[in-house]
Amino acid sequence: MYAKSVEKTKAIKLRKQGLSYSEIIKKIDVSRSTLSLWLRDISLSNNARLSLEEKIANAQRLGAEAKRNQRLLKVKQIEKRAVKN
């Protein structure tokens, strides 16, 4: 039980620094549900909250860009096939 309390303390410290659950899981070997239970009452500072919001926005931008690139590639493939026919 002691080992888990050490992990919980570390998880709380990392969360207060503005790390996401995914980032914390990479550093501490626990499940997402366990993290959720441990961290549900932790309130973030404005800096930590802004840091997380920035990470989310960046991930959304990267995802949208990847999706756009996939769509453009697919359109080019369709155009190529259309020209052949």
C-alpha atoms as a PDB file:
ATOM      1  CA  MET A   1       0.000   0.000   0.000  1.00  0.00           C
ATOM      2  CA  TYR A   2       2.889   2.366   0.689  1.00  0.00           C
ATOM      3  CA  ALA A   3       4.113   2.152  -2.910  1.00  0.00           C
ATOM      4  CA  LYS A   4       0.726   3.285  -4.196  1.00  0.00           C
ATOM      5  CA  SER A   5       0.664   6.262  -1.837  1.00  0.00           C
ATOM      6  CA  VAL A   6       4.059   7.317  -3.200  1.00  0.00           C
ATOM      7  CA  GLU A   7       2.706   7.025  -6.740  1.00  0.00           C
ATOM      8  CA  LYS A   8      -0.407   8.977  -5.795  1.00  0.00           C
ATOM      9  CA  THR A   9       1.671  11.779  -4.296  1.00  0.00           C
ATOM     10  CA  LYS A  10       3.832  11.893  -7.415  1.00  0.00           C
ATOM     11  CA  ALA A  11       0.734  11.919  -9.651  1.00  0.00           C
ATOM     12  CA  ILE A  12      -0.772  14.821  -7.713  1.00  0.00           C
ATOM     13  CA  LYS A  13       2.478  16.774  -7.969  1.00  0.00           C
ATOM     14  CA  LEU A  14       2.698  16.178 -11.730  1.00  0.00           C
ATOM     15  CA  ARG A  15      -0.936  17.164 -12.269  1.00  0.00           C
ATOM     16  CA  LYS A  16      -0.453  20.402 -10.356  1.00  0.00           C
ATOM     17  CA  GLN A  17       2.455  21.127 -12.701  1.00  0.00           C
ATOM     18  CA  GLY A  18      -0.015  20.970 -15.580  1.00  0.00           C
ATOM     19  CA  LEU A  19       0.661  17.521 -17.002  1.00  0.00           C
ATOM     20  CA  SER A  20      -2.167  15.678 -18.720  1.00  0.00           C
ATOM     21  CA  TYR A  21      -3.326  12.226 -17.651  1.00  0.00           C
ATOM     22  CA  SER A  22      -1.532  10.705 -20.654  1.00  0.00           C
ATOM     23  CA  GLU A  23       1.735  12.394 -19.690  1.00  0.00           C
ATOM     24  CA  ILE A  24       1.383  11.252 -16.082  1.00  0.00           C
ATOM     25  CA  ILE A  25       0.651   7.656 -17.134  1.00  0.00           C
ATOM     26  CA  LYS A  26       3.937   7.639 -19.079  1.00  0.00           C
ATOM     27  CA  LYS A  27       5.777   8.498 -15.861  1.00  0.00           C
ATOM     28  CA  ILE A  28       3.740   6.439 -13.384  1.00  0.00           C
ATOM     29  CA  ASP A  29       2.497   2.943 -14.140  1.00  0.00           C
ATOM     30  CA  VAL A  30      -1.170   3.246 -13.137  1.00  0.00           C
ATOM     31  CA  SER A  31      -4.427   3.026 -15.040  1.00  0.00           C
ATOM     32  CA  ARG A  32      -6.318   6.063 -16.261  1.00  0.00           C
ATOM     33  CA  SER A  33      -9.234   5.196 -13.976  1.00  0.00           C
ATOM     34  CA  THR A  34      -6.935   5.143 -10.947  1.00  0.00           C
ATOM     35  CA  LEU A  35      -5.560   8.546 -11.938  1.00  0.00           C
ATOM     36  CA  SER A  36      -9.069   9.853 -12.326  1.00  0.00           C
ATOM     37  CA  LEU A  37      -9.913   8.752  -8.783  1.00  0.00           C
ATOM     38  CA  TRP A  38      -6.724  10.202  -7.355  1.00  0.00           C
ATOM     39  CA  LEU A  39      -6.926  13.513  -9.171  1.00  0.00           C
ATOM     40  CA  ARG A  40     -10.627  14.306  -9.330  1.00  0.00           C
ATOM     41  CA  ASP A  41     -10.454  16.757  -6.410  1.00  0.00           C
ATOM     42  CA  ILE A  42      -7.220  18.458  -7.517  1.00  0.00           C
ATOM     43  CA  SER A  43      -7.760  22.023  -8.634  1.00  0.00           C
ATOM     44  CA  LEU A  44      -5.260  23.412 -11.097  1.00  0.00           C
ATOM     45  CA  SER A  45      -3.535  26.764 -10.949  1.00  0.00           C
ATOM     46  CA  ASN A  46      -4.229  29.189 -13.773  1.00  0.00           C
ATOM     47  CA  ASN A  47      -0.814  28.455 -15.288  1.00  0.00           C
ATOM     48  CA  ALA A  48      -1.372  24.694 -15.180  1.00  0.00           C
ATOM     49  CA  ARG A  49      -4.859  25.053 -16.653  1.00  0.00           C
ATOM     50  CA  LEU A  50      -3.569  27.279 -19.455  1.00  0.00           C
ATOM     51  CA  SER A  51      -0.760  24.822 -20.144  1.00  0.00           C
ATOM     52  CA  LEU A  52      -3.256  21.965 -20.525  1.00  0.00           C
ATOM     53  CA  GLU A  53      -5.540  24.076 -22.722  1.00  0.00           C
ATOM     54  CA  GLU A  54      -2.583  24.936 -24.949  1.00  0.00           C
ATOM     55  CA  LYS A  55      -1.629  21.256 -25.264  1.00  0.00           C
ATOM     56  CA  ILE A  56      -5.213  20.374 -26.194  1.00  0.00           C
ATOM     57  CA  ALA A  57      -5.402  23.132 -28.809  1.00  0.00           C
ATOM     58  CA  ASN A  58      -2.074  22.047 -30.297  1.00  0.00           C
ATOM     59  CA  ALA A  59      -3.217  18.416 -30.476  1.00  0.00           C
ATOM     60  CA  GLN A  60      -6.439  19.505 -32.190  1.00  0.00           C
ATOM     61  CA  ARG A  61      -4.464  21.528 -34.751  1.00  0.00           C
ATOM     62  CA  LEU A  62      -2.151  18.609 -35.473  1.00  0.00           C
ATOM     63  CA  GLY A  63      -5.088  16.221 -35.808  1.00  0.00           C
ATOM     64  CA  ALA A  64      -6.927  18.557 -38.168  1.00  0.00           C
ATOM     65  CA  GLU A  65      -3.780  18.997 -40.265  1.00  0.00           C
ATOM     66  CA  ALA A  66      -3.236  15.239 -40.497  1.00  0.00           C
ATOM     67  CA  LYS A  67      -6.880  14.695 -41.483  1.00  0.00           C
ATOM     68  CA  ARG A  68      -6.613  17.419 -44.132  1.00  0.00           C
ATOM     69  CA  ASN A  69      -3.464  15.856 -45.570  1.00  0.00           C
ATOM     70  CA  GLN A  70      -5.175  12.462 -45.719  1.00  0.00           C
ATOM     71  CA  ARG A  71      -8.153  14.001 -47.501  1.00  0.00           C
ATOM     72  CA  LEU A  72      -5.940  15.791 -50.047  1.00  0.00           C
ATOM     73  CA  LEU A  73      -4.038  12.582 -50.760  1.00  0.00           C
ATOM     74  CA  LYS A  74      -7.284  10.712 -51.288  1.00  0.00           C
ATOM     75  CA  VAL A  75      -8.563  13.412 -53.665  1.00  0.00           C
ATOM     76  CA  LYS A  76      -5.327  13.220 -55.685  1.00  0.00           C
ATOM     77  CA  GLN A  77      -5.648   9.432 -55.930  1.00  0.00           C
ATOM     78  CA  ILE A  78      -9.244   9.758 -57.125  1.00  0.00           C
ATOM     79  CA  GLU A  79      -8.255  12.403 -59.700  1.00  0.00           C
ATOM     80  CA  LYS A  80      -5.425  10.152 -60.932  1.00  0.00           C
ATOM     81  CA  ARG A  81      -7.834   7.251 -61.431  1.00  0.00           C
ATOM     82  CA  ALA A  82     -10.352   9.518 -63.141  1.00  0.00           C
ATOM     83  CA  VAL A  83      -7.734  10.742 -65.638  1.00  0.00           C
ATOM     84  CA  LYS A  84      -6.794   7.135 -66.492  1.00  0.00           C
ATOM     85  CA  ASN A  85     -10.403   6.247 -67.333  1.00  0.00           C
END
